[in-house]
Amino acid sequence: MSLNVEHLLRTADTLEQAVTHLHTVPNEQDVLYDLYRNAAIKSFELSLETSGKLLRKAIKLYGGSPREVDKLVFNDLFRHAGKHGLLDMAGVERWLAYRANRNITAHDYGKGFANETLKLLPAYLQDVRLLAKALQELFDAQA
């Protein structure tokens, strides 16, 4: 299976730029602060969804029924990634926390919650890049 993680890395780069620019806005009342915060949260959501789609494709490489893999919920995808060595167990727990946070961001756009999400992003950026590397290595080995 020929696949790459360029889109995932692009979403991570976009997220990183949004966070970087957010920290340059001195006043949280400035509309630019809202713009960068919203861009960061949306980039977080998009990269998390992209990660799940790539994990689904990766897990299919380990065998089993593609239909059964397609039925897995996101949390199970992360658990299978741990089972197959794409994530360590601490990484699985972090990804489950990211997913739980994302599920809340989809329904709660409050300022306080958005700021809680921002606190996760530095670690998330490291994790998304580590996952992208592991996935690319897997896909390259299958090519």
Foldseek 3Di string as FASTA:
>chain_A
DADACVVLVVLLVQLVVLLVVLVVDPDCVDVSNVVSLVSNLVSLLVSLVVLQVLLLVLLVVVPDDNVVSVPDDSLVSLVVCCVVVLAPPVLSVLSVVSVVLNVVVVPDVDPVSSVVNSVSSVVVSVSSVSSNVSSRVSSVVVD
